[in-house]
Protein backbone atom coordinates (compact mmCIF):
# COMPACT_ATOMS: atom_id res chain seq x y z
CA MET A 1 78.41 118.03 118.70
CA LYS A 2 76.06 120.53 120.33
CA LYS A 3 73.39 117.84 120.69
CA ILE A 4 75.88 115.32 122.13
CA ALA A 5 77.10 117.92 124.62
CA GLU A 6 73.55 118.71 125.79
CA LEU A 7 72.61 115.04 126.20
CA ALA A 8 75.83 114.26 128.10
CA GLY A 9 75.63 117.40 130.23
CA VAL A 10 79.09 118.59 129.20
CA SER A 11 80.58 121.37 127.09
CA ARG A 12 81.14 121.08 123.33
CA SER A 13 84.86 121.29 123.96
CA THR A 14 84.64 118.18 126.16
CA VAL A 15 82.92 116.30 123.34
CA SER A 16 85.64 117.51 120.98
CA HIS A 17 88.33 116.27 123.35
CA VAL A 18 86.73 112.80 123.45
CA LEU A 19 86.41 112.63 119.64
CA HIS A 20 90.03 113.61 119.17
CA GLY A 21 91.48 111.39 121.90
CA ARG A 22 92.54 114.17 124.27
CA THR A 23 91.14 112.50 127.38
CA HIS A 24 94.14 112.34 129.74
CA LYS A 25 92.78 115.16 131.94
CA MET A 26 89.20 113.84 131.92
CA THR A 27 87.57 111.75 134.63
CA ARG A 28 86.62 108.20 133.67
CA GLU A 29 82.99 108.93 134.55
CA THR A 30 82.81 111.87 132.13
CA LEU A 31 84.60 109.96 129.40
CA GLU A 32 82.27 106.96 129.65
CA ARG A 33 79.19 109.20 129.73
CA VAL A 34 80.18 111.06 126.59
CA ARG A 35 81.14 107.86 124.78
CA ARG A 36 77.82 106.27 125.71
CA VAL A 37 75.85 109.22 124.31
CA ILE A 38 77.96 109.18 121.14
CA GLU A 39 77.26 105.48 120.66
CA GLU A 40 73.54 105.74 121.44
CA ASN A 41 73.11 108.53 118.88
CA ASN A 42 75.24 106.86 116.20
CA TYR A 43 77.38 109.98 115.93
CA VAL A 44 79.86 109.88 113.04
CA PRO A 45 82.59 112.57 112.87
CA ASN A 46 82.78 114.60 109.65
CA MET A 47 86.05 113.37 108.16
CA GLY A 48 86.06 116.10 105.54
CA GLY A 49 85.98 118.70 108.27
CA ARG A 50 88.68 116.94 110.26
CA MET A 51 91.11 117.16 107.37
CA PHE A 52 90.95 120.94 107.50
CA ALA A 53 91.06 121.07 111.29
CA LYS A 54 94.17 121.29 113.39
CA TYR A 55 93.52 117.84 114.87
CA GLY A 56 94.60 115.96 111.74
CA SER A 57 92.79 113.56 109.45
CA LYS A 58 93.44 110.44 111.58
CA ILE A 59 94.46 108.75 108.31
CA ILE A 60 97.66 106.77 107.84
CA GLY A 61 98.41 106.01 104.21
CA VAL A 62 99.89 102.68 103.11
CA VAL A 63 101.69 102.73 99.77
CA ILE A 64 102.39 99.43 98.01
CA ASN A 65 105.03 99.66 95.31
CA TYR A 66 104.56 97.29 92.37
CA ASP A 67 107.14 98.61 89.96
CA ILE A 68 108.41 95.11 89.19
CA ARG A 69 105.02 93.37 89.23
CA ASP A 70 101.53 93.63 87.82
CA GLU A 71 99.04 95.41 90.06
CA VAL A 72 96.74 92.37 90.31
CA ASP A 73 99.72 90.13 91.06
CA VAL A 74 100.51 92.29 94.09
CA LEU A 75 97.08 91.72 95.60
CA GLN A 76 97.37 87.98 95.02
CA ASP A 77 100.79 87.77 96.66
CA PRO A 78 100.33 86.22 100.13
CA PHE A 79 102.92 88.53 101.68
CA PHE A 80 101.17 91.69 100.54
CA SER A 81 97.72 90.41 101.50
CA LYS A 82 99.03 89.49 104.95
CA ILE A 83 100.90 92.76 105.51
CA ILE A 84 97.89 94.82 104.36
CA SER A 85 95.49 93.06 106.73
CA THR A 86 97.84 93.27 109.72
CA LEU A 87 98.65 96.94 109.04
CA GLU A 88 94.94 97.75 108.88
CA HIS A 89 94.38 96.00 112.21
CA GLU A 90 97.22 97.83 113.94
CA ILE A 91 96.22 101.21 112.48
CA ARG A 92 92.57 100.74 113.47
CA THR A 93 93.49 99.51 116.95
CA ASN A 94 95.40 102.75 117.50
CA GLY A 95 92.40 104.89 116.55
CA TYR A 96 93.39 105.72 112.97
CA PHE A 97 92.06 104.88 109.53
CA MET A 98 94.11 103.21 106.80
CA MET A 99 94.14 104.46 103.22
CA LEU A 100 95.66 101.88 100.86
CA TYR A 101 97.31 103.05 97.67
CA ILE A 102 98.86 100.70 95.10
CA SER A 103 100.97 102.43 92.49
CA LYS A 104 104.29 102.40 90.66
CA ASP A 105 104.23 106.18 90.27
CA VAL A 106 105.89 107.69 93.34
CA GLU A 107 104.81 111.22 92.44
CA GLU A 108 101.23 110.03 92.26
CA SER A 109 101.61 108.41 95.68
CA LEU A 110 102.87 111.64 97.19
CA ARG A 111 100.07 113.59 95.53
CA MET A 112 97.54 111.20 97.10
CA ALA A 113 99.09 111.70 100.53
CA ARG A 114 98.80 115.46 100.27
CA THR A 115 95.29 115.41 98.84
CA TRP A 116 93.95 113.38 101.74
CA ASN A 117 96.13 115.12 104.31
CA VAL A 118 97.39 111.81 105.67
CA GLU A 119 99.22 112.12 108.97
CA ALA A 120 101.86 109.54 108.03
CA LEU A 121 102.84 107.19 105.22
CA ILE A 122 103.93 103.57 105.48
CA SER A 123 105.68 102.45 102.30
CA VAL A 124 106.07 98.73 101.60
CA GLY A 125 109.07 97.87 99.46
CA GLY A 126 112.35 99.42 98.41
CA TRP A 127 115.34 98.83 96.21
CA THR A 128 118.93 97.77 96.45
CA GLU A 129 121.81 100.12 95.75
CA ALA A 130 122.39 98.42 92.40
CA HIS A 131 118.88 99.14 91.19
CA ILE A 132 118.92 102.71 92.45
CA SER A 133 122.21 103.47 90.71
CA ALA A 134 120.86 101.84 87.54
CA GLY A 135 118.09 104.41 87.52
CA VAL A 136 115.19 102.10 88.37
CA ALA A 137 112.40 104.12 89.97
CA GLY A 138 111.19 102.81 93.30
CA VAL A 139 109.62 103.92 96.54
CA TYR A 140 113.08 105.15 97.54
CA ASP A 141 112.37 108.15 95.29
CA LEU A 142 109.36 109.01 97.44
CA HIS A 143 111.68 110.22 100.17
CA ARG A 144 113.73 112.21 97.70
CA LEU A 145 110.58 113.92 96.45
CA MET A 146 109.36 114.62 99.97
CA GLU A 147 112.69 116.05 101.04
CA GLY A 148 112.48 118.46 98.14
CA THR A 149 109.13 119.88 99.19
CA VAL A 150 108.65 122.89 101.41
CA ASP A 151 104.93 122.71 102.11
CA ALA A 152 104.63 119.14 103.38
CA LYS A 153 106.87 116.98 105.51
CA ILE A 154 104.80 113.83 105.82
CA PRO A 155 106.22 111.30 108.32
CA LEU A 156 107.36 108.26 106.36
CA VAL A 157 108.12 104.72 107.51
CA TYR A 158 109.36 101.95 105.22
CA ILE A 159 108.79 98.20 105.40
CA ASP A 160 111.42 95.95 103.78
CA ALA A 161 113.48 98.72 102.21
CA TYR A 162 117.19 98.57 101.45
CA PHE A 163 119.10 101.80 100.99
CA PRO A 164 122.69 102.51 99.97
CA ASP A 165 123.30 104.97 102.81
CA GLU A 166 125.55 103.41 105.43
CA ASP A 167 124.21 105.62 108.22
CA PHE A 168 120.63 104.72 107.21
CA PRO A 169 118.87 108.10 107.63
CA TYR A 170 115.41 106.64 107.01
CA ILE A 171 113.07 104.67 109.26
CA ASN A 172 112.62 101.07 108.16
CA VAL A 173 111.15 97.88 109.59
CA GLY A 174 112.47 94.71 108.00
CA LEU A 175 113.85 91.26 108.63
CA GLU A 176 117.18 89.63 109.17
CA ASP A 177 116.84 88.45 105.56
CA TRP A 178 120.56 87.80 105.16
CA GLN A 179 120.52 85.68 108.31
CA GLY A 180 117.52 83.75 107.01
CA GLY A 181 119.34 82.91 103.81
CA TYR A 182 122.39 81.88 105.80
CA ILE A 183 120.69 79.55 108.31
CA MET A 184 118.63 77.79 105.64
CA THR A 185 121.69 77.18 103.45
CA GLU A 186 123.69 76.02 106.46
CA TYR A 187 120.91 73.52 107.21
CA LEU A 188 120.98 72.25 103.61
CA ILE A 189 124.75 71.82 103.76
CA ASN A 190 124.46 69.90 107.03
CA ARG A 191 121.97 67.60 105.28
CA GLY A 192 124.63 66.79 102.72
CA HIS A 193 123.75 69.20 99.89
CA ARG A 194 126.66 70.81 98.09
CA LYS A 195 125.03 72.12 94.90
CA ILE A 196 122.27 74.55 95.92
CA ALA A 197 120.27 76.86 93.64
CA PHE A 198 118.57 80.07 94.77
CA LEU A 199 115.36 80.89 92.86
CA GLY A 200 113.50 84.20 92.59
CA ASP A 201 111.06 85.87 90.20
CA THR A 202 113.19 88.80 89.03
CA GLU A 203 116.08 88.90 86.55
CA GLY A 204 118.46 89.66 89.39
CA PRO A 205 117.54 89.39 93.10
CA VAL A 206 116.40 92.71 94.58
CA THR A 207 115.76 94.05 98.10
CA VAL A 208 114.78 91.17 100.41
CA GLY A 209 115.55 88.60 97.72
CA TYR A 210 119.02 90.05 97.28
CA ALA A 211 119.73 89.88 101.02
CA ARG A 212 118.49 86.29 101.20
CA GLU A 213 120.61 85.26 98.23
CA GLN A 214 123.66 86.93 99.76
CA GLY A 215 123.09 84.98 102.99
CA CYS A 216 122.89 81.77 100.97
CA LYS A 217 126.12 82.63 99.16
CA ALA A 218 127.92 83.48 102.42
CA ALA A 219 126.93 80.15 104.01
CA LEU A 220 128.29 78.24 101.02
CA GLU A 221 131.54 80.20 101.01
CA ALA A 222 131.94 79.60 104.75
CA ARG A 223 132.14 75.88 103.90
CA SER A 224 134.47 76.49 100.93
CA LEU A 225 131.63 75.81 98.49
CA SER A 226 130.97 77.94 95.44
CA PHE A 227 127.90 79.94 94.43
CA LEU A 228 128.15 80.66 90.71
CA PRO A 229 126.07 83.15 88.68
CA GLU A 230 124.11 80.24 87.17
CA ASP A 231 123.13 79.14 90.68
CA TYR A 232 120.64 82.01 90.74
CA ILE A 233 117.59 81.07 88.65
CA ASN A 234 115.05 83.66 87.54
CA LEU A 235 111.62 82.01 87.41
CA SER A 236 109.87 85.11 85.99
CA ARG A 237 106.96 86.92 87.63
CA TYR A 238 104.62 85.62 84.93
CA PRO A 239 103.00 82.25 85.86
CA ASP A 240 103.01 80.74 82.36
CA GLU A 241 106.66 81.62 81.82
CA ARG A 242 107.51 80.35 85.29
CA GLN A 243 105.98 76.95 84.56
CA LYS A 244 108.02 76.61 81.38
CA ILE A 245 111.23 77.43 83.23
CA LEU A 246 110.49 74.92 86.00
CA LYS A 247 109.63 72.17 83.50
CA ASN A 248 112.84 72.77 81.58
CA LEU A 249 114.79 72.82 84.82
CA ALA A 250 113.37 69.41 85.73
CA LYS A 251 114.14 68.00 82.25
CA GLU A 252 117.73 69.19 82.64
CA GLY A 253 118.08 67.24 85.89
CA PHE A 254 117.98 70.51 87.85
CA ARG A 255 121.39 71.31 86.34
CA GLY A 256 123.10 69.20 88.95
CA HIS A 257 121.50 70.94 91.92
CA THR A 258 120.23 68.70 94.71
CA ALA A 259 118.36 71.44 96.60
CA LEU A 260 116.27 74.40 95.44
CA PHE A 261 116.02 77.37 97.84
CA PHE A 262 113.09 79.57 96.79
CA THR A 263 112.92 83.19 97.91
CA SER A 264 109.29 82.68 99.00
CA ASP A 265 106.96 79.88 100.07
CA TYR A 266 104.59 80.82 97.26
CA LEU A 267 107.19 80.05 94.60
CA ALA A 268 108.30 76.88 96.43
CA ALA A 269 104.75 75.50 96.74
CA ASN A 270 104.07 76.34 93.11
CA ALA A 271 107.16 74.34 92.08
CA ILE A 272 106.25 71.36 94.30
CA ASN A 273 102.83 71.11 92.62
CA LEU A 274 104.33 71.30 89.15
CA PHE A 275 106.98 68.71 89.95
CA ARG A 276 104.32 66.34 91.25
CA ASP A 277 102.37 66.69 87.99
CA GLU A 278 105.59 65.84 86.14
CA GLY A 279 106.13 62.71 88.26
CA ILE A 280 108.98 64.24 90.26
CA GLY A 281 108.91 63.55 93.98
CA VAL A 282 109.90 66.07 96.67
CA PRO A 283 112.15 65.37 98.49
CA ARG A 284 112.76 62.00 96.82
CA ASP A 285 114.12 63.47 93.58
CA ILE A 286 114.84 67.06 94.60
CA SER A 287 114.85 68.91 97.93
CA VAL A 288 112.86 72.16 98.14
CA CYS A 289 112.74 74.91 100.77
CA GLY A 290 111.23 78.38 101.00
CA PHE A 291 111.04 81.57 103.01
CA ASP A 292 108.15 83.21 104.96
CA ASP A 293 106.22 80.34 106.64
CA PHE A 294 102.89 81.50 105.25
CA ILE A 295 99.90 79.24 104.56
CA PHE A 296 101.58 77.64 101.53
CA ALA A 297 104.22 76.12 103.80
CA THR A 298 101.75 74.03 105.78
CA GLU A 299 99.26 73.34 102.97
CA SER A 300 101.79 72.02 100.44
CA ARG A 301 102.55 68.30 100.31
CA PRO A 302 105.12 67.59 101.49
CA ARG A 303 104.98 70.32 104.09
CA LEU A 304 107.62 72.90 103.41
CA THR A 305 110.87 73.45 105.26
CA THR A 306 111.17 77.23 105.42
CA VAL A 307 112.37 80.36 107.21
CA ARG A 308 109.73 81.93 109.42
CA GLN A 309 109.01 85.63 109.60
CA ASP A 310 106.41 87.34 111.81
CA VAL A 311 104.45 89.75 109.61
CA SER A 312 102.31 90.93 112.52
CA GLN A 313 105.45 92.22 114.23
CA LYS A 314 106.44 94.07 111.08
CA ALA A 315 103.06 95.79 111.02
CA PHE A 316 103.16 96.52 114.74
CA HIS A 317 106.59 98.17 114.65
CA ALA A 318 105.84 100.10 111.47
CA VAL A 319 102.65 101.58 112.92
CA GLN A 320 104.36 102.37 116.24
CA GLN A 321 107.14 104.18 114.40
CA ALA A 322 104.59 106.13 112.34
CA LEU A 323 102.70 107.15 115.49
CA ALA A 324 105.93 108.25 117.15
CA LEU A 325 106.68 110.46 114.14
CA ILE A 326 103.18 111.92 114.24
CA ARG A 327 103.73 112.78 117.91
CA LYS A 328 107.14 114.25 116.94
CA GLU A 329 108.96 111.88 119.27
CA GLU A 330 112.63 111.11 118.80
CA ILE A 331 113.29 107.78 117.10
CA SER A 332 116.09 105.87 118.80
CA GLU A 333 116.34 102.97 116.34
CA LYS A 334 115.77 103.79 112.68
CA ASN A 335 116.54 100.45 111.07
CA ILE A 336 114.65 97.67 112.84
CA ARG A 337 115.55 94.16 111.72
CA LEU A 338 113.22 91.51 113.15
CA PRO A 339 114.54 88.01 113.82
CA VAL A 340 113.85 84.93 111.68
CA SER A 341 113.92 81.24 112.54
CA LEU A 342 114.34 77.94 110.75
CA VAL A 343 111.26 75.69 110.48
CA ILE A 344 112.10 72.09 109.57
CA ARG A 345 109.35 70.01 107.96
CA ASP A 346 109.33 67.37 105.23
CA SER A 347 110.60 68.83 101.95
CA VAL A 348 114.37 68.41 102.40
CA ALA A 349 116.07 65.03 102.21
CA ALA A 350 119.43 64.01 103.63
CA LEU A 351 122.07 62.92 101.12
């Protein structure tokens, strides 16, 4: 820093202000001169030193919960890969570094956050009230652990969490998942479908899957149609088991269902490929739809009718909320629900 200050003709404190983003009282000429010298000399700040300094580590931690999945499966999931890449972009654009941590041990996640002195945590995933009351550990417990500590109050923002508290005391960025389930089911009903199955990869739908299933159920009930327990089909998170279930479902004539509403495009595209191998045409023999509008929706054949979500907006709002907490600003809206929209393509037939 002393060398940079001498070359730029400024004080060491001015260089420090530039490195730590405190430039609002600095002239543009001085700022550009210092930045140019920093760039020309390939100056790299000592991150170890920063973590012990009062300026903060400039690290935002991202915790991915995989309590109901295998760790590798999480990284292969198109939603998680998309959310990780967009979070990293938003964090970097705002002058911070992202530390990614994938774990099902919430205490370990909190220990990581403290060790690296992260300035904020963004936690992807949460649990429904039913799973919390059943004693299933999830990222929800991270807040309970943090609230019980005296030495560290790390700002925490959730993505796609569902909590039992009616007043919602936590900060969360999610989707109108219930609405997405409703509008897709309403579309299927308008196309003549009366027997609709909802398919996920957990024994009972949780978090976003639960909200989407509830939207599906509400749309059916609004038309005086029933949604029975057997109308939810667990495909399993294990690929081999999932293929067996789908093959049996096809052999059973889809149990009378004329439309299959998958909780994600990934599961829907996987089913379409398997059905094609079995000589079953979509939508000729069975209508299929999904949720997300990721790459699988446009690359599958037929192209998938789905519910679109904007993952980049999730990442943007989550990072903005984390930055506001770091700056100790008051948060006006704690539970952000981003809109969804129906995307009609080729995988649903009219009856």
